[in-house]
N, C-alpha and C. Protein backbone atom coordinates (compact mmCIF):
# COMPACT_ATOMS: atom_id res chain seq x y z
N UNK A 1 16.23 3.19 -20.02
CA UNK A 1 15.37 2.10 -20.16
C UNK A 1 14.25 2.89 -20.94
N UNK A 2 13.69 2.16 -21.71
CA UNK A 2 12.22 2.70 -22.70
C UNK A 2 11.11 3.11 -22.04
N UNK A 3 10.63 4.24 -22.64
CA UNK A 3 9.17 4.71 -21.86
C UNK A 3 7.92 3.38 -21.65
N UNK A 4 8.05 2.63 -22.83
CA UNK A 4 7.39 1.49 -22.77
C UNK A 4 7.51 0.61 -21.71
N UNK A 5 8.95 0.27 -21.39
CA UNK A 5 9.27 -0.79 -20.46
C UNK A 5 8.82 -0.12 -19.05
N UNK A 6 9.10 1.30 -18.84
CA UNK A 6 8.79 2.02 -17.45
C UNK A 6 7.37 1.79 -17.27
N UNK A 7 6.58 2.15 -18.40
CA UNK A 7 5.17 2.21 -18.14
C UNK A 7 4.48 0.62 -17.95
N UNK A 8 5.31 -0.49 -18.56
CA UNK A 8 4.69 -1.84 -18.31
C UNK A 8 5.13 -2.22 -16.88
N UNK A 9 6.27 -1.76 -16.26
CA UNK A 9 6.79 -2.21 -14.97
C UNK A 9 5.78 -1.26 -13.94
N UNK A 10 5.59 -0.15 -14.41
CA UNK A 10 4.50 0.96 -13.44
C UNK A 10 3.01 0.04 -13.44
N UNK A 11 2.44 -0.41 -14.56
CA UNK A 11 1.23 -0.62 -14.51
C UNK A 11 1.20 -2.36 -14.05
N UNK A 12 2.19 -3.18 -13.91
CA UNK A 12 2.35 -4.37 -13.58
C UNK A 12 2.21 -4.25 -11.94
N UNK A 13 3.26 -3.53 -11.52
CA UNK A 13 3.07 -3.11 -10.01
C UNK A 13 1.99 -2.52 -9.57
N UNK A 14 1.42 -1.58 -10.14
CA UNK A 14 0.15 -0.85 -9.54
C UNK A 14 -1.05 -1.78 -9.76
N UNK A 15 -1.08 -2.18 -10.87
CA UNK A 15 -2.23 -3.47 -10.59
C UNK A 15 -2.04 -4.50 -9.40
N UNK A 16 -1.05 -5.14 -9.18
CA UNK A 16 -0.71 -5.78 -8.20
C UNK A 16 -1.07 -5.29 -6.78
N UNK A 17 -0.71 -4.27 -6.74
CA UNK A 17 -0.59 -3.28 -5.37
C UNK A 17 -2.33 -3.24 -5.20
N UNK A 18 -3.02 -2.34 -6.37
CA UNK A 18 -4.34 -2.25 -6.14
C UNK A 18 -5.05 -3.54 -5.96
N UNK A 19 -5.00 -4.70 -6.60
CA UNK A 19 -5.34 -5.91 -6.19
C UNK A 19 -5.20 -6.14 -4.55
N UNK A 20 -4.09 -6.22 -4.06
CA UNK A 20 -3.47 -6.51 -2.85
C UNK A 20 -4.16 -5.73 -2.01
N UNK A 21 -4.33 -4.17 -2.19
CA UNK A 21 -4.79 -3.34 -1.07
C UNK A 21 -6.20 -3.33 -1.13
N UNK A 22 -6.86 -3.66 -1.93
CA UNK A 22 -8.36 -3.89 -2.37
C UNK A 22 -8.76 -4.79 -1.61
N UNK A 23 -8.27 -6.10 -1.63
CA UNK A 23 -8.34 -7.59 -1.00
C UNK A 23 -8.16 -7.44 0.30
N UNK A 24 -7.14 -6.89 0.90
CA UNK A 24 -6.71 -6.58 2.18
C UNK A 24 -7.75 -5.55 2.87
N UNK A 25 -8.00 -4.46 2.12
CA UNK A 25 -8.88 -3.35 2.66
C UNK A 25 -10.28 -3.86 2.84
N UNK A 26 -10.83 -4.67 1.84
CA UNK A 26 -12.12 -5.08 2.10
C UNK A 26 -12.16 -5.97 3.52
N UNK A 27 -11.51 -6.89 3.51
CA UNK A 27 -11.41 -8.06 4.49
C UNK A 27 -11.21 -7.28 5.90
N UNK A 28 -10.56 -6.24 5.77
CA UNK A 28 -10.26 -5.34 7.05
C UNK A 28 -11.48 -4.51 7.32
N UNK A 29 -12.01 -3.85 6.39
CA UNK A 29 -13.22 -3.32 6.88
C UNK A 29 -14.36 -4.07 7.19
N UNK A 30 -14.37 -5.37 6.78
CA UNK A 30 -15.53 -6.20 7.29
C UNK A 30 -15.01 -7.18 8.47
N UNK A 31 -13.65 -7.19 8.57
CA UNK A 31 -13.20 -7.91 9.82
C UNK A 31 -13.23 -9.37 9.53
N UNK A 32 -12.95 -9.65 8.42
CA UNK A 32 -12.88 -11.19 7.72
C UNK A 32 -11.54 -11.57 7.59
N UNK A 33 -11.29 -13.06 7.09
CA UNK A 33 -10.00 -13.26 6.68
C UNK A 33 -9.05 -13.41 7.71
N UNK A 34 -9.42 -13.65 8.91
CA UNK A 34 -8.39 -13.80 10.07
C UNK A 34 -7.94 -12.56 10.56
N UNK A 35 -8.23 -11.29 10.21
CA UNK A 35 -7.73 -10.18 10.79
C UNK A 35 -7.74 -9.70 11.98
N UNK A 36 -8.93 -10.26 12.43
CA UNK A 36 -9.35 -10.04 13.94
C UNK A 36 -8.17 -10.96 14.85
N UNK A 37 -8.04 -12.00 14.57
CA UNK A 37 -6.93 -12.79 15.16
C UNK A 37 -5.71 -12.14 15.18
N UNK A 38 -5.12 -11.65 13.91
CA UNK A 38 -3.98 -11.00 13.60
C UNK A 38 -3.70 -9.94 14.34
N UNK A 39 -4.78 -8.78 14.61
CA UNK A 39 -4.75 -7.50 15.34
C UNK A 39 -4.86 -8.01 16.73
N UNK A 40 -5.52 -8.95 17.06
CA UNK A 40 -5.42 -9.36 18.55
C UNK A 40 -4.01 -9.73 19.20
N UNK A 41 -3.38 -10.65 18.12
CA UNK A 41 -2.14 -11.38 18.41
C UNK A 41 -1.03 -10.16 18.46
N UNK A 42 -1.31 -8.99 17.65
CA UNK A 42 -0.22 -8.00 17.52
C UNK A 42 -0.72 -6.95 18.78
N UNK A 43 -1.74 -7.16 19.31
CA UNK A 43 -2.14 -6.53 20.60
C UNK A 43 -2.69 -5.04 20.19
N UNK A 44 -3.12 -5.15 18.84
CA UNK A 44 -3.82 -3.73 18.42
C UNK A 44 -5.32 -3.79 18.63
N UNK A 45 -6.12 -2.46 18.68
CA UNK A 45 -7.50 -2.55 19.01
C UNK A 45 -8.36 -2.99 17.74
N UNK A 46 -9.05 -3.96 17.95
CA UNK A 46 -9.94 -4.26 16.69
C UNK A 46 -10.50 -3.35 15.73
N UNK A 47 -10.86 -2.38 16.11
CA UNK A 47 -11.59 -1.23 15.30
C UNK A 47 -10.31 -0.48 14.62
N UNK A 48 -9.08 -0.93 14.68
CA UNK A 48 -8.07 -0.20 13.61
C UNK A 48 -8.27 -0.86 12.33
N UNK A 49 -8.91 -2.14 12.31
CA UNK A 49 -9.22 -2.77 10.94
C UNK A 49 -10.44 -1.76 10.11
N UNK A 50 -11.19 -1.39 10.77
CA UNK A 50 -12.08 -0.72 10.06
C UNK A 50 -11.41 0.78 9.35
N UNK A 51 -10.69 1.29 10.09
CA UNK A 51 -9.88 2.47 9.62
C UNK A 51 -8.87 2.18 8.71
N UNK A 52 -8.05 1.22 8.78
CA UNK A 52 -7.11 0.70 7.70
C UNK A 52 -7.97 0.34 6.50
N UNK A 53 -8.92 -0.45 6.51
CA UNK A 53 -9.78 -1.08 5.64
C UNK A 53 -10.11 0.25 4.86
N UNK A 54 -10.88 1.11 5.12
CA UNK A 54 -11.32 2.13 4.69
C UNK A 54 -10.07 2.87 4.00
N UNK A 55 -9.28 3.15 4.39
CA UNK A 55 -7.90 4.12 3.91
C UNK A 55 -7.37 3.25 2.63
N UNK A 56 -7.21 1.90 3.02
CA UNK A 56 -6.83 1.25 1.71
C UNK A 56 -7.54 1.42 0.59
N UNK A 57 -8.87 1.04 0.55
CA UNK A 57 -9.60 1.15 -0.56
C UNK A 57 -9.70 2.68 -0.98
N UNK A 58 -9.61 3.68 -0.18
CA UNK A 58 -9.47 5.15 -0.69
C UNK A 58 -8.10 5.17 -1.53
N UNK A 59 -6.99 4.51 -0.81
CA UNK A 59 -6.00 5.05 -1.53
C UNK A 59 -5.69 4.04 -2.99
N UNK A 60 -6.49 3.06 -3.12
CA UNK A 60 -6.45 2.42 -4.51
C UNK A 60 -7.12 3.35 -5.18
N UNK A 61 -8.12 3.98 -5.03
CA UNK A 61 -9.15 4.88 -5.68
C UNK A 61 -8.10 5.99 -6.09
N UNK A 62 -7.36 6.78 -5.08
CA UNK A 62 -6.28 7.87 -5.37
C UNK A 62 -4.98 7.46 -6.32
N UNK A 63 -4.71 6.25 -6.27
CA UNK A 63 -3.50 5.94 -7.22
C UNK A 63 -4.10 5.60 -8.59
N UNK A 64 -5.10 5.00 -8.72
CA UNK A 64 -5.62 4.53 -10.07
C UNK A 64 -6.35 5.91 -10.82
N UNK A 65 -7.03 6.62 -10.28
CA UNK A 65 -7.72 7.81 -11.09
C UNK A 65 -6.65 8.86 -11.59
N UNK A 66 -6.91 9.38 -12.40
CA UNK A 66 -5.95 10.20 -13.19
C UNK A 66 -6.00 11.60 -12.27
N UNK A 67 -4.88 12.01 -12.65
CA UNK A 67 -4.85 13.60 -12.16
C UNK A 67 -4.46 13.53 -10.23
N UNK A 68 -4.61 14.34 -9.77
CA UNK A 68 -4.39 14.53 -8.10
C UNK A 68 -3.18 13.90 -7.81
N UNK A 69 -2.08 14.55 -8.30
CA UNK A 69 -0.56 13.97 -7.81
C UNK A 69 -0.18 14.16 -6.44
N UNK A 70 -0.77 15.24 -5.73
CA UNK A 70 -0.34 15.30 -4.18
C UNK A 70 -1.29 14.16 -3.28
N UNK A 71 -2.36 14.06 -3.91
CA UNK A 71 -3.02 12.81 -3.46
C UNK A 71 -2.53 11.60 -3.60
N UNK A 72 -2.23 11.37 -4.80
CA UNK A 72 -1.27 10.16 -4.97
C UNK A 72 0.04 9.94 -3.91
N UNK A 73 0.51 10.96 -3.71
CA UNK A 73 1.78 10.85 -2.90
C UNK A 73 1.33 10.73 -1.71
N UNK A 74 0.22 11.05 -0.99
CA UNK A 74 -0.35 10.78 0.41
C UNK A 74 -0.55 9.32 0.45
N UNK A 75 -1.28 8.85 -0.69
CA UNK A 75 -1.60 7.41 -0.87
C UNK A 75 -0.34 6.34 -0.56
N UNK A 76 0.61 6.90 -1.64
CA UNK A 76 1.69 6.02 -1.47
C UNK A 76 2.41 6.19 -0.02
N UNK A 77 2.48 7.22 0.40
CA UNK A 77 3.12 7.57 1.57
C UNK A 77 2.43 6.44 2.96
N UNK A 78 1.09 6.69 2.95
CA UNK A 78 0.21 5.94 3.85
C UNK A 78 0.36 4.36 3.75
N UNK A 79 0.49 4.12 2.39
CA UNK A 79 0.76 2.46 2.28
C UNK A 79 2.16 2.18 2.70
N UNK A 80 3.11 2.98 2.44
CA UNK A 80 4.30 2.70 3.04
C UNK A 80 4.56 2.56 4.52
N UNK A 81 3.76 3.61 5.19
CA UNK A 81 3.72 3.64 6.50
C UNK A 81 2.83 2.52 7.01
N UNK A 82 1.74 2.02 6.56
CA UNK A 82 1.07 1.08 6.97
C UNK A 82 1.50 -0.63 6.88
N UNK A 83 2.34 -0.57 5.69
CA UNK A 83 2.93 -1.88 5.20
C UNK A 83 4.42 -2.16 5.88
N UNK A 84 5.11 -1.14 6.20
CA UNK A 84 6.36 -1.20 7.04
C UNK A 84 5.91 -1.20 8.55
N UNK A 85 5.13 -0.69 8.75
CA UNK A 85 4.59 -0.70 10.25
C UNK A 85 3.82 -2.28 10.55
N UNK A 86 3.21 -2.73 9.61
CA UNK A 86 2.72 -4.22 9.76
C UNK A 86 3.85 -5.21 9.72
N UNK A 87 4.90 -5.03 9.00
CA UNK A 87 5.77 -6.03 8.88
C UNK A 87 6.65 -5.87 10.52
N UNK A 88 6.80 -4.35 10.70
CA UNK A 88 7.61 -4.24 12.20
C UNK A 88 7.05 -4.87 13.18
N UNK A 89 5.66 -4.72 13.32
CA UNK A 89 4.68 -5.33 14.06
C UNK A 89 4.94 -6.80 14.41
N UNK A 90 5.06 -7.52 13.30
CA UNK A 90 5.25 -9.18 13.29
C UNK A 90 6.53 -9.29 14.02
N UNK A 91 7.66 -8.42 13.55
CA UNK A 91 9.03 -8.54 13.86
C UNK A 91 8.85 -8.46 15.70
N UNK A 92 8.29 -7.37 15.87
CA UNK A 92 8.49 -6.82 17.46
C UNK A 92 7.97 -8.06 18.17
N UNK A 93 6.64 -8.50 17.94
CA UNK A 93 6.09 -9.72 18.74
C UNK A 93 6.68 -11.23 18.58
N UNK A 94 7.89 -11.15 17.73
CA UNK A 94 8.54 -12.21 17.61
C UNK A 94 7.98 -13.63 16.68
N UNK A 95 7.14 -12.86 15.66
CA UNK A 95 6.57 -13.74 14.65
C UNK A 95 7.72 -14.17 13.48
N UNK A 96 7.36 -15.18 13.21
CA UNK A 96 8.36 -15.76 11.93
C UNK A 96 8.15 -14.66 10.79
N UNK A 97 9.42 -14.70 10.12
CA UNK A 97 9.26 -13.69 9.01
C UNK A 97 8.34 -14.20 7.83
N UNK A 98 8.01 -15.41 7.93
CA UNK A 98 6.71 -15.83 6.87
C UNK A 98 5.37 -14.83 7.08
N UNK A 99 5.40 -14.49 8.50
CA UNK A 99 4.19 -13.90 9.01
C UNK A 99 4.13 -12.22 8.49
N UNK A 100 5.38 -11.82 8.28
CA UNK A 100 5.74 -10.41 7.53
C UNK A 100 5.50 -10.62 5.88
N UNK A 101 5.75 -11.63 5.54
CA UNK A 101 5.93 -11.57 3.94
C UNK A 101 4.78 -10.82 3.27
N UNK A 102 3.59 -10.86 3.32
CA UNK A 102 2.35 -10.33 2.55
C UNK A 102 2.72 -8.92 2.75
N UNK A 103 3.09 -8.37 3.80
CA UNK A 103 3.32 -6.87 3.97
C UNK A 103 4.76 -6.50 3.42
N UNK A 104 5.62 -7.20 3.29
CA UNK A 104 6.66 -7.08 2.84
C UNK A 104 6.67 -7.00 1.14
N UNK A 105 5.79 -7.76 0.71
CA UNK A 105 5.75 -8.22 -0.80
C UNK A 105 5.03 -6.82 -1.22
N UNK A 106 3.80 -6.14 -0.41
CA UNK A 106 3.08 -4.98 -0.93
C UNK A 106 4.11 -3.83 -0.72
N UNK A 107 5.10 -3.71 0.44
CA UNK A 107 5.92 -2.61 0.37
C UNK A 107 6.80 -2.48 -0.82
N UNK A 108 7.60 -3.70 -1.37
CA UNK A 108 8.11 -3.77 -2.27
C UNK A 108 7.25 -3.15 -3.74
N UNK A 109 5.93 -3.68 -3.72
CA UNK A 109 5.31 -3.15 -5.01
C UNK A 109 4.74 -1.81 -4.93
N UNK A 110 4.69 -1.11 -3.56
CA UNK A 110 4.55 0.19 -3.43
C UNK A 110 5.81 1.20 -3.89
N UNK A 111 6.93 0.77 -3.36
CA UNK A 111 8.21 1.18 -3.95
C UNK A 111 8.36 1.43 -5.60
N UNK A 112 8.04 0.13 -5.85
CA UNK A 112 7.86 0.12 -7.58
C UNK A 112 6.99 0.95 -8.21
N UNK A 113 6.04 0.79 -7.76
CA UNK A 113 5.02 1.60 -8.37
C UNK A 113 5.28 3.11 -8.42
N UNK A 114 5.54 3.65 -6.98
CA UNK A 114 5.86 4.96 -6.79
C UNK A 114 7.13 5.42 -7.65
N UNK A 115 8.13 4.59 -7.72
CA UNK A 115 9.27 4.82 -8.53
C UNK A 115 9.01 4.86 -10.19
N UNK A 116 8.13 4.14 -10.69
CA UNK A 116 8.05 4.07 -11.95
C UNK A 116 6.70 4.66 -12.69
N UNK A 117 6.05 5.42 -11.69
CA UNK A 117 4.99 6.19 -11.93
C UNK A 117 5.25 7.36 -13.21
N UNK A 118 4.35 7.53 -14.08
CA UNK A 118 4.39 8.36 -15.11
C UNK A 118 4.70 9.62 -14.67
N UNK A 119 5.11 10.73 -15.33
CA UNK A 119 5.34 12.09 -15.06
C UNK A 119 4.06 12.90 -14.85
N UNK A 120 2.97 12.45 -15.46
CA UNK A 120 1.64 13.00 -15.20
C UNK A 120 0.83 12.63 -13.73
N UNK A 121 1.51 11.68 -13.23
CA UNK A 121 1.12 11.24 -11.99
C UNK A 121 2.15 11.81 -10.77
N UNK A 122 3.21 12.75 -10.85
CA UNK A 122 3.88 13.12 -10.12
C UNK A 122 3.63 14.58 -9.63
N UNK A 123 4.30 15.09 -8.72
CA UNK A 123 3.98 16.23 -8.22
C UNK A 123 5.08 17.19 -9.26
N UNK A 124 4.80 18.31 -9.90
CA UNK A 124 5.35 19.28 -10.46
C UNK A 124 6.06 20.35 -9.54
N UNK A 125 7.52 20.36 -9.51
CA UNK A 125 8.17 21.21 -8.46
C UNK A 125 8.30 22.55 -9.28
N UNK A 126 8.16 23.81 -8.68
CA UNK A 126 8.25 25.07 -9.45
C UNK A 126 9.92 25.42 -9.17
N UNK A 127 10.81 25.94 -10.07
CA UNK A 127 12.04 26.28 -9.92
C UNK A 127 12.76 25.11 -9.95
N UNK A 128 12.64 24.34 -10.14
CA UNK A 128 13.35 22.64 -9.87
C UNK A 128 14.74 22.76 -10.91
N UNK A 129 15.78 22.61 -10.36
CA UNK A 129 17.13 22.84 -10.89
C UNK A 129 17.79 21.69 -11.32
């Protein structure tokens, strides 16, 4: 696959990921958009929304700004755990798969964005064989 195609895939996935995480993060931070009902249904404490919302917004910043590849890795990992945890939470309480679709879509975008990120956004390993 050409470098141009890889860059296009990366930026499309990353743009949609950033938009989704920003929208969700802001709604969670301010506890709007039905998120209070969702966390109550999942039996999580409501204050978790403020924590998740703040971290999602900071993760968007980390992924989009140049440099800091280790911070980017942490952001992707945090997103992966948050979205896979959200999907699993819906499945565990017996929700329909449609309730988990938003987190599963974001999970796919996370994997695509991470996989196709440019070399300058990856951690360079010393003595790599």
